[in-house]
Amino acid sequence: MTAAPRPVLQARGLALRYPGAESAVFDAVDLDLARGEVVAVLGASGAGKSSLLRVLAGLQPATAGTLLMEGVPLTGVHPRVAVAFQDSSLLPWLSLERNVAFGLDFKHQPALTDAQRRARVTQAIDEVGLAHARHLRPAQLSGGMAQRAALARCLARQPSVLLLDEPFGALDEVTRGDMQVLLRKLVADFQTAAVLITHDIDEALLLADRIVLLGGAPGRILGVWQVDLPQPRADLLPEMGALRLEILTRLRAALRNARGAAVLA
């Protein structure tokens, strides 16, 4: 029997508690990420989703638990972990091309020759369909183009893990749909392990191979669902109906419990 491949990113018993706080932000989180997999983390506001993403990114140290990147303890920012936020955070004085290249020369990144650097940037821009806009400034880009540029900046780092914190939340429905399709394509093409933070059950159902529900006080994993439906799923809404209802019911119960606990406190 062939052994299962080692997870790209593995969390065991992760917890985050700020000094002086009555309870942890999240606690006892176990999570494995495999190459080519999209894991959506759902939860209400305040469930600890974005805080968990910062810990997974190495931007915030956990106060308990272990976090391994390709079997090695992750103790800070890693060159093969890329993060995209809802705000594209493009530097307004740089062209799209130079924004995509930004960060490749940081000290934690592997050294690249000029030719390697240009090749990475060109490939990333081509992958998100922005070759025609490479010399434009951020002010000249639409919201969708800016988010494509932010994804290209991540791809230029050739990440093993892509962490996304509600990256499409500010986009209109049509552009959001286009970006969702693009994300699935990029994950498949690059075999990246992706974590998508979202509060949108439908987005999670459309994109994720696995859905993790985070909730409570502190945030804990309340449920995990495998979504065994082929991509694309835009025409499979009836097939997803029962799973959507199950997740929504669990989420509503978590919210009621959290409100009840707050009243008792």
C-alpha atoms as a PDB file:
ATOM      1  CA  MET A   1       0.000   0.000   0.000  1.00  0.00           C
ATOM      2  CA  THR A   2       1.307   3.447  -0.953  1.00  0.00           C
ATOM      3  CA  ALA A   3       1.647   5.809   1.988  1.00  0.00           C
ATOM      4  CA  ALA A   4      -0.460   8.973   1.891  1.00  0.00           C
ATOM      5  CA  PRO A   5       1.568  12.043   0.906  1.00  0.00           C
ATOM      6  CA  ARG A   6       2.711  14.237   3.764  1.00  0.00           C
ATOM      7  CA  PRO A   7       0.548  17.364   4.153  1.00  0.00           C
ATOM      8  CA  VAL A   8       2.096  20.581   2.880  1.00  0.00           C
ATOM      9  CA  LEU A   9       0.871  22.435   5.974  1.00  0.00           C
ATOM     10  CA  GLN A  10      -0.119  20.665   9.184  1.00  0.00           C
ATOM     11  CA  ALA A  11      -1.576  22.212  12.342  1.00  0.00           C
ATOM     12  CA  ARG A  12      -2.117  20.371  15.596  1.00  0.00           C
ATOM     13  CA  GLY A  13      -3.791  21.854  18.658  1.00  0.00           C
ATOM     14  CA  LEU A  14      -3.257  25.453  17.510  1.00  0.00           C
ATOM     15  CA  ALA A  15      -4.438  28.121  19.922  1.00  0.00           C
ATOM     16  CA  LEU A  16      -4.130  31.889  20.158  1.00  0.00           C
ATOM     17  CA  ARG A  17      -4.697  33.837  23.343  1.00  0.00           C
ATOM     18  CA  TYR A  18      -3.827  37.492  23.889  1.00  0.00           C
ATOM     19  CA  PRO A  19      -2.342  38.505  27.272  1.00  0.00           C
ATOM     20  CA  GLY A  20      -5.050  39.470  29.730  1.00  0.00           C
ATOM     21  CA  ALA A  21      -7.902  38.134  27.596  1.00  0.00           C
ATOM     22  CA  GLU A  22     -10.582  36.056  29.322  1.00  0.00           C
ATOM     23  CA  SER A  23     -10.683  33.470  26.547  1.00  0.00           C
ATOM     24  CA  ALA A  24      -8.616  32.413  23.559  1.00  0.00           C
ATOM     25  CA  VAL A  25      -9.307  33.757  20.077  1.00  0.00           C
ATOM     26  CA  PHE A  26      -9.307  30.162  18.834  1.00  0.00           C
ATOM     27  CA  ASP A  27      -8.322  26.886  20.425  1.00  0.00           C
ATOM     28  CA  ALA A  28      -7.562  23.221  19.622  1.00  0.00           C
ATOM     29  CA  VAL A  29      -7.462  23.667  15.835  1.00  0.00           C
ATOM     30  CA  ASP A  30      -6.238  20.692  13.805  1.00  0.00           C
ATOM     31  CA  LEU A  31      -5.837  21.142  10.058  1.00  0.00           C
ATOM     32  CA  ASP A  32      -4.009  19.350   7.235  1.00  0.00           C
ATOM     33  CA  LEU A  33      -3.541  20.842   3.759  1.00  0.00           C
ATOM     34  CA  ALA A  34      -2.662  18.805   0.682  1.00  0.00           C
ATOM     35  CA  ARG A  35      -1.328  20.001  -2.661  1.00  0.00           C
ATOM     36  CA  GLY A  36      -4.022  21.014  -5.128  1.00  0.00           C
ATOM     37  CA  GLU A  37      -6.649  21.261  -2.390  1.00  0.00           C
ATOM     38  CA  VAL A  38      -8.868  24.208  -1.454  1.00  0.00           C
ATOM     39  CA  VAL A  39     -10.023  24.277   2.172  1.00  0.00           C
ATOM     40  CA  ALA A  40     -12.642  26.897   3.021  1.00  0.00           C
ATOM     41  CA  VAL A  41     -12.828  28.115   6.620  1.00  0.00           C
ATOM     42  CA  LEU A  42     -16.331  29.365   7.384  1.00  0.00           C
ATOM     43  CA  GLY A  43     -17.571  31.164  10.437  1.00  0.00           C
ATOM     44  CA  ALA A  44     -19.393  34.197  11.745  1.00  0.00           C
ATOM     45  CA  SER A  45     -17.639  37.472  12.490  1.00  0.00           C
ATOM     46  CA  GLY A  46     -15.421  37.120  15.551  1.00  0.00           C
ATOM     47  CA  ALA A  47     -14.974  33.359  15.185  1.00  0.00           C
ATOM     48  CA  GLY A  48     -11.211  33.756  14.797  1.00  0.00           C
ATOM     49  CA  LYS A  49     -10.956  33.038  11.047  1.00  0.00           C
ATOM     50  CA  SER A  50      -8.588  35.880  10.122  1.00  0.00           C
ATOM     51  CA  SER A  51      -6.524  35.344  13.271  1.00  0.00           C
ATOM     52  CA  LEU A  52      -6.125  31.689  12.335  1.00  0.00           C
ATOM     53  CA  LEU A  53      -4.977  32.688   8.858  1.00  0.00           C
ATOM     54  CA  ARG A  54      -2.336  35.031  10.314  1.00  0.00           C
ATOM     55  CA  VAL A  55      -0.996  32.185  12.459  1.00  0.00           C
ATOM     56  CA  LEU A  56      -0.937  29.804   9.477  1.00  0.00           C
ATOM     57  CA  ALA A  57       0.965  32.474   7.537  1.00  0.00           C
ATOM     58  CA  GLY A  58       3.608  32.814  10.237  1.00  0.00           C
ATOM     59  CA  LEU A  59       2.611  36.442  10.798  1.00  0.00           C
ATOM     60  CA  GLN A  60       1.390  35.773  14.348  1.00  0.00           C
ATOM     61  CA  PRO A  61       2.884  33.161  16.689  1.00  0.00           C
ATOM     62  CA  ALA A  62       0.468  30.653  18.199  1.00  0.00           C
ATOM     63  CA  THR A  63       0.351  30.439  21.968  1.00  0.00           C
ATOM     64  CA  ALA A  64      -0.122  26.648  21.877  1.00  0.00           C
ATOM     65  CA  GLY A  65       0.100  23.789  19.405  1.00  0.00           C
ATOM     66  CA  THR A  66       2.390  22.936  16.518  1.00  0.00           C
ATOM     67  CA  LEU A  67       2.522  24.134  12.922  1.00  0.00           C
ATOM     68  CA  LEU A  68       4.592  22.294  10.302  1.00  0.00           C
ATOM     69  CA  MET A  69       5.444  23.429   6.782  1.00  0.00           C
ATOM     70  CA  GLU A  70       6.450  20.409   4.684  1.00  0.00           C
ATOM     71  CA  GLY A  71       7.356  18.604   7.916  1.00  0.00           C
ATOM     72  CA  VAL A  72       9.463  21.446   9.367  1.00  0.00           C
ATOM     73  CA  PRO A  73       8.242  23.674  12.244  1.00  0.00           C
ATOM     74  CA  LEU A  74       6.969  27.006  10.945  1.00  0.00           C
ATOM     75  CA  THR A  75       8.233  29.738  13.252  1.00  0.00           C
ATOM     76  CA  GLY A  76       7.759  32.818  11.076  1.00  0.00           C
ATOM     77  CA  VAL A  77       7.186  34.032   7.535  1.00  0.00           C
ATOM     78  CA  HIS A  78       8.031  31.326   4.990  1.00  0.00           C
ATOM     79  CA  PRO A  79       9.029  32.027   1.355  1.00  0.00           C
ATOM     80  CA  ARG A  80       6.637  29.327   0.081  1.00  0.00           C
ATOM     81  CA  VAL A  81       3.586  30.712   1.898  1.00  0.00           C
ATOM     82  CA  ALA A  82       1.742  33.582   0.191  1.00  0.00           C
ATOM     83  CA  VAL A  83      -1.174  35.621   1.520  1.00  0.00           C
ATOM     84  CA  ALA A  84      -3.878  37.607  -0.289  1.00  0.00           C
ATOM     85  CA  PHE A  85      -6.309  39.884   1.543  1.00  0.00           C
ATOM     86  CA  GLN A  86      -9.603  41.565   0.614  1.00  0.00           C
ATOM     87  CA  ASP A  87      -7.646  44.755  -0.040  1.00  0.00           C
ATOM     88  CA  SER A  88      -5.241  44.128  -2.923  1.00  0.00           C
ATOM     89  CA  SER A  89      -2.679  46.392  -1.159  1.00  0.00           C
ATOM     90  CA  LEU A  90      -0.961  47.401  -4.398  1.00  0.00           C
ATOM     91  CA  LEU A  91       1.615  50.178  -4.083  1.00  0.00           C
ATOM     92  CA  PRO A  92       0.165  53.146  -6.027  1.00  0.00           C
ATOM     93  CA  TRP A  93       3.519  54.462  -7.268  1.00  0.00           C
ATOM     94  CA  LEU A  94       4.530  51.175  -8.901  1.00  0.00           C
ATOM     95  CA  SER A  95       3.316  49.657 -12.156  1.00  0.00           C
ATOM     96  CA  LEU A  96       1.359  46.403 -12.056  1.00  0.00           C
ATOM     97  CA  GLU A  97       4.498  44.560 -13.176  1.00  0.00           C
ATOM     98  CA  ARG A  98       6.611  46.027 -10.403  1.00  0.00           C
ATOM     99  CA  ASN A  99       3.863  45.342  -7.844  1.00  0.00           C
ATOM    100  CA  VAL A 100       3.892  41.692  -8.855  1.00  0.00           C
ATOM    101  CA  ALA A 101       7.679  41.626  -8.451  1.00  0.00           C
ATOM    102  CA  PHE A 102       7.529  43.393  -5.088  1.00  0.00           C
ATOM    103  CA  GLY A 103       8.842  41.178  -2.324  1.00  0.00           C
ATOM    104  CA  LEU A 104      10.855  38.783  -4.479  1.00  0.00           C
ATOM    105  CA  ASP A 105      14.043  40.452  -3.246  1.00  0.00           C
ATOM    106  CA  PHE A 106      13.155  40.332   0.466  1.00  0.00           C
ATOM    107  CA  LYS A 107      15.754  38.552   2.577  1.00  0.00           C
ATOM    108  CA  HIS A 108      13.534  35.564   3.395  1.00  0.00           C
ATOM    109  CA  GLN A 109      13.016  34.899  -0.322  1.00  0.00           C
ATOM    110  CA  PRO A 110      15.418  32.648  -2.277  1.00  0.00           C
ATOM    111  CA  ALA A 111      18.008  34.529  -4.322  1.00  0.00           C
ATOM    112  CA  LEU A 112      17.000  34.925  -7.981  1.00  0.00           C
ATOM    113  CA  THR A 113      18.914  36.054 -11.018  1.00  0.00           C
ATOM    114  CA  ASP A 114      17.430  38.928 -13.014  1.00  0.00           C
ATOM    115  CA  ALA A 115      16.340  36.461 -15.688  1.00  0.00           C
ATOM    116  CA  GLN A 116      14.623  34.184 -13.153  1.00  0.00           C
ATOM    117  CA  ARG A 117      12.903  37.146 -11.567  1.00  0.00           C
ATOM    118  CA  ARG A 118      11.593  38.413 -14.933  1.00  0.00           C
ATOM    119  CA  ALA A 119      10.413  34.916 -15.883  1.00  0.00           C
ATOM    120  CA  ARG A 120       8.486  34.479 -12.636  1.00  0.00           C
ATOM    121  CA  VAL A 121       6.804  37.869 -12.942  1.00  0.00           C
ATOM    122  CA  THR A 122       5.891  37.352 -16.598  1.00  0.00           C
ATOM    123  CA  GLN A 123       4.450  33.896 -15.944  1.00  0.00           C
ATOM    124  CA  ALA A 124       2.397  35.124 -12.987  1.00  0.00           C
ATOM    125  CA  ILE A 125       0.968  38.077 -14.940  1.00  0.00           C
ATOM    126  CA  ASP A 126       0.143  35.845 -17.888  1.00  0.00           C
ATOM    127  CA  GLU A 127      -1.577  33.300 -15.622  1.00  0.00           C
ATOM    128  CA  VAL A 128      -4.053  35.891 -14.332  1.00  0.00           C
ATOM    129  CA  GLY A 129      -4.658  37.386 -17.786  1.00  0.00           C
ATOM    130  CA  LEU A 130      -3.092  40.812 -17.239  1.00  0.00           C
ATOM    131  CA  ALA A 131      -0.296  40.853 -19.836  1.00  0.00           C
ATOM    132  CA  HIS A 132      -2.001  43.788 -21.539  1.00  0.00           C
ATOM    133  CA  ALA A 133      -1.949  45.832 -18.307  1.00  0.00           C
ATOM    134  CA  ARG A 134       1.546  45.142 -17.010  1.00  0.00           C
ATOM    135  CA  HIS A 135       2.634  48.804 -17.289  1.00  0.00           C
ATOM    136  CA  LEU A 136      -0.507  50.329 -15.754  1.00  0.00           C
ATOM    137  CA  ARG A 137      -0.602  51.866 -12.278  1.00  0.00           C
ATOM    138  CA  PRO A 138      -3.080  50.635  -9.623  1.00  0.00           C
ATOM    139  CA  ALA A 139      -5.304  53.716 -10.087  1.00  0.00           C
ATOM    140  CA  GLN A 140      -5.883  52.582 -13.687  1.00  0.00           C
ATOM    141  CA  LEU A 141      -7.071  49.100 -12.680  1.00  0.00           C
ATOM    142  CA  SER A 142     -10.608  47.920 -11.950  1.00  0.00           C
ATOM    143  CA  GLY A 143     -11.306  46.108  -8.683  1.00  0.00           C
ATOM    144  CA  GLY A 144     -11.142  42.744 -10.411  1.00  0.00           C
ATOM    145  CA  MET A 145      -7.879  43.603 -12.146  1.00  0.00           C
ATOM    146  CA  ALA A 146      -6.379  44.740  -8.835  1.00  0.00           C
ATOM    147  CA  GLN A 147      -7.284  41.404  -7.207  1.00  0.00           C
ATOM    148  CA  ARG A 148      -5.824  39.537 -10.184  1.00  0.00           C
ATOM    149  CA  ALA A 149      -2.630  41.522  -9.695  1.00  0.00           C
ATOM    150  CA  ALA A 150      -2.616  40.594  -5.987  1.00  0.00           C
ATOM    151  CA  LEU A 151      -2.939  36.913  -6.937  1.00  0.00           C
ATOM    152  CA  ALA A 152      -0.146  37.313  -9.484  1.00  0.00           C
ATOM    153  CA  ARG A 153       2.076  38.774  -6.748  1.00  0.00           C
ATOM    154  CA  CYS A 154       1.423  35.613  -4.721  1.00  0.00           C
ATOM    155  CA  LEU A 155       2.063  33.317  -7.693  1.00  0.00           C
ATOM    156  CA  ALA A 156       5.384  34.982  -8.486  1.00  0.00           C
ATOM    157  CA  ARG A 157       6.648  33.511  -5.226  1.00  0.00           C
ATOM    158  CA  GLN A 158       5.706  30.008  -6.471  1.00  0.00           C
ATOM    159  CA  PRO A 159       3.991  29.225  -3.166  1.00  0.00           C
ATOM    160  CA  SER A 160       3.297  25.778  -1.795  1.00  0.00           C
ATOM    161  CA  VAL A 161       0.536  27.319   0.338  1.00  0.00           C
ATOM    162  CA  LEU A 162      -1.814  30.132  -0.667  1.00  0.00           C
ATOM    163  CA  LEU A 163      -3.799  31.791   2.137  1.00  0.00           C
ATOM    164  CA  LEU A 164      -6.747  33.989   1.149  1.00  0.00           C
ATOM    165  CA  ASP A 165      -8.657  36.213   3.573  1.00  0.00           C
ATOM    166  CA  GLU A 166     -12.014  36.999   1.889  1.00  0.00           C
ATOM    167  CA  PRO A 167     -10.177  38.183  -1.243  1.00  0.00           C
ATOM    168  CA  PHE A 168     -13.332  38.628  -3.349  1.00  0.00           C
ATOM    169  CA  GLY A 169     -15.643  40.132  -0.739  1.00  0.00           C
ATOM    170  CA  ALA A 170     -15.583  43.675  -2.158  1.00  0.00           C
ATOM    171  CA  LEU A 171     -16.188  42.669  -5.794  1.00  0.00           C
ATOM    172  CA  ASP A 172     -19.446  42.686  -7.751  1.00  0.00           C
ATOM    173  CA  GLU A 173     -21.135  39.327  -8.396  1.00  0.00           C
ATOM    174  CA  VAL A 174     -19.929  38.899 -11.990  1.00  0.00           C
ATOM    175  CA  THR A 175     -16.317  39.805 -11.203  1.00  0.00           C
ATOM    176  CA  ARG A 176     -16.424  37.673  -8.075  1.00  0.00           C
ATOM    177  CA  GLY A 177     -17.557  34.687 -10.124  1.00  0.00           C
ATOM    178  CA  ASP A 178     -14.722  35.223 -12.597  1.00  0.00           C
ATOM    179  CA  MET A 179     -12.196  35.388  -9.758  1.00  0.00           C
ATOM    180  CA  GLN A 180     -13.548  32.201  -8.204  1.00  0.00           C
ATOM    181  CA  VAL A 181     -13.074  30.367 -11.503  1.00  0.00           C
ATOM    182  CA  LEU A 182      -9.554  31.797 -11.782  1.00  0.00           C
ATOM    183  CA  LEU A 183      -8.660  30.663  -8.258  1.00  0.00           C
ATOM    184  CA  ARG A 184      -9.661  27.066  -8.963  1.00  0.00           C
ATOM    185  CA  LYS A 185      -7.629  27.129 -12.194  1.00  0.00           C
ATOM    186  CA  LEU A 186      -4.527  28.474 -10.450  1.00  0.00           C
ATOM    187  CA  VAL A 187      -4.735  25.904  -7.655  1.00  0.00           C
ATOM    188  CA  ALA A 188      -5.018  23.117 -10.232  1.00  0.00           C
ATOM    189  CA  ASP A 189      -2.233  24.492 -12.468  1.00  0.00           C
ATOM    190  CA  PHE A 190       0.255  25.146  -9.657  1.00  0.00           C
ATOM    191  CA  GLN A 191      -0.873  22.327  -7.320  1.00  0.00           C
ATOM    192  CA  THR A 192      -0.896  24.817  -4.481  1.00  0.00           C
ATOM    193  CA  ALA A 193      -2.614  24.077  -1.177  1.00  0.00           C
ATOM    194  CA  ALA A 194      -5.101  26.895  -0.552  1.00  0.00           C
ATOM    195  CA  VAL A 195      -7.014  28.094   2.496  1.00  0.00           C
ATOM    196  CA  LEU A 196      -9.954  30.392   1.753  1.00  0.00           C
ATOM    197  CA  ILE A 197     -11.380  32.411   4.655  1.00  0.00           C
ATOM    198  CA  THR A 198     -14.986  33.313   3.896  1.00  0.00           C
ATOM    199  CA  HIS A 199     -18.333  33.976   5.574  1.00  0.00           C
ATOM    200  CA  ASP A 200     -20.190  32.992   2.384  1.00  0.00           C
ATOM    201  CA  ILE A 201     -21.477  29.388   2.441  1.00  0.00           C
ATOM    202  CA  ASP A 202     -22.198  29.434  -1.297  1.00  0.00           C
ATOM    203  CA  GLU A 203     -18.652  30.542  -2.108  1.00  0.00           C
ATOM    204  CA  ALA A 204     -17.283  27.753   0.080  1.00  0.00           C
ATOM    205  CA  LEU A 205     -19.506  25.185  -1.644  1.00  0.00           C
ATOM    206  CA  LEU A 206     -18.495  26.392  -5.099  1.00  0.00           C
ATOM    207  CA  LEU A 207     -14.745  26.384  -4.461  1.00  0.00           C
ATOM    208  CA  ALA A 208     -13.753  24.071  -1.630  1.00  0.00           C
ATOM    209  CA  ASP A 209     -12.731  20.437  -1.535  1.00  0.00           C
ATOM    210  CA  ARG A 210     -13.245  20.619   2.234  1.00  0.00           C
ATOM    211  CA  ILE A 211     -15.224  23.041   4.385  1.00  0.00           C
ATOM    212  CA  VAL A 212     -14.240  23.743   7.993  1.00  0.00           C
ATOM    213  CA  LEU A 213     -16.670  25.559  10.287  1.00  0.00           C
ATOM    214  CA  LEU A 214     -15.027  27.640  13.010  1.00  0.00           C
ATOM    215  CA  GLY A 215     -17.100  29.072  15.817  1.00  0.00           C
ATOM    216  CA  GLY A 216     -17.736  29.453  19.511  1.00  0.00           C
ATOM    217  CA  ALA A 217     -15.849  31.374  22.146  1.00  0.00           C
ATOM    218  CA  PRO A 218     -13.039  30.533  21.803  1.00  0.00           C
ATOM    219  CA  GLY A 219     -13.181  29.558  18.161  1.00  0.00           C
ATOM    220  CA  ARG A 220     -13.087  25.808  17.686  1.00  0.00           C
ATOM    221  CA  ILE A 221     -13.707  23.542  14.736  1.00  0.00           C
ATOM    222  CA  LEU A 222     -17.415  22.724  14.912  1.00  0.00           C
ATOM    223  CA  GLY A 223     -17.625  20.624  11.766  1.00  0.00           C
ATOM    224  CA  VAL A 224     -15.730  19.450   8.686  1.00  0.00           C
ATOM    225  CA  TRP A 225     -17.380  18.511   5.384  1.00  0.00           C
ATOM    226  CA  GLN A 226     -15.823  16.911   2.307  1.00  0.00           C
ATOM    227  CA  VAL A 227     -17.327  18.299  -0.913  1.00  0.00           C
ATOM    228  CA  ASP A 228     -17.102  15.458  -3.426  1.00  0.00           C
ATOM    229  CA  LEU A 229     -18.558  17.236  -6.442  1.00  0.00           C
ATOM    230  CA  PRO A 230     -16.798  17.895  -9.763  1.00  0.00           C
ATOM    231  CA  GLN A 231     -15.647  21.342 -10.846  1.00  0.00           C
ATOM    232  CA  PRO A 232     -17.062  23.661 -12.069  1.00  0.00           C
ATOM    233  CA  ARG A 233     -20.070  23.593  -9.739  1.00  0.00           C
ATOM    234  CA  ALA A 234     -22.077  26.643 -10.818  1.00  0.00           C
ATOM    235  CA  ASP A 235     -24.735  24.338 -12.331  1.00  0.00           C
ATOM    236  CA  LEU A 236     -24.783  21.930  -9.379  1.00  0.00           C
ATOM    237  CA  LEU A 237     -26.714  24.088  -6.900  1.00  0.00           C
ATOM    238  CA  PRO A 238     -29.478  21.492  -6.360  1.00  0.00           C
ATOM    239  CA  GLU A 239     -26.857  18.845  -5.511  1.00  0.00           C
ATOM    240  CA  MET A 240     -25.357  21.194  -2.928  1.00  0.00           C
ATOM    241  CA  GLY A 241     -28.674  22.080  -1.308  1.00  0.00           C
ATOM    242  CA  ALA A 242     -28.666  19.465   1.459  1.00  0.00           C
ATOM    243  CA  LEU A 243     -25.046  20.162   2.383  1.00  0.00           C
ATOM    244  CA  ARG A 244     -25.725  23.906   2.417  1.00  0.00           C
ATOM    245  CA  LEU A 245     -28.650  23.410   4.781  1.00  0.00           C
ATOM    246  CA  GLU A 246     -26.591  21.192   7.090  1.00  0.00           C
ATOM    247  CA  ILE A 247     -23.764  23.741   7.332  1.00  0.00           C
ATOM    248  CA  LEU A 248     -26.201  26.642   7.782  1.00  0.00           C
ATOM    249  CA  THR A 249     -28.020  24.795  10.573  1.00  0.00           C
ATOM    250  CA  ARG A 250     -24.733  24.111  12.365  1.00  0.00           C
ATOM    251  CA  LEU A 251     -23.661  27.759  11.928  1.00  0.00           C
ATOM    252  CA  ARG A 252     -26.959  29.089  13.316  1.00  0.00           C
ATOM    253  CA  ALA A 253     -26.700  26.786  16.319  1.00  0.00           C
ATOM    254  CA  ALA A 254     -23.164  28.047  16.993  1.00  0.00           C
ATOM    255  CA  LEU A 255     -24.356  31.656  16.843  1.00  0.00           C
ATOM    256  CA  ARG A 256     -27.222  30.952  19.269  1.00  0.00           C
ATOM    257  CA  ASN A 257     -24.849  29.236  21.690  1.00  0.00           C
ATOM    258  CA  ALA A 258     -22.369  32.121  21.473  1.00  0.00           C
ATOM    259  CA  ARG A 259     -25.109  34.694  22.158  1.00  0.00           C
ATOM    260  CA  GLY A 260     -26.395  32.635  25.073  1.00  0.00           C
ATOM    261  CA  ALA A 261     -22.916  32.418  26.568  1.00  0.00           C
ATOM    262  CA  ALA A 262     -22.475  36.176  26.200  1.00  0.00           C
ATOM    263  CA  VAL A 263     -25.746  36.835  28.058  1.00  0.00           C
ATOM    264  CA  LEU A 264     -24.759  34.492  30.899  1.00  0.00           C
ATOM    265  CA  ALA A 265     -21.374  36.203  31.168  1.00  0.00           C
END
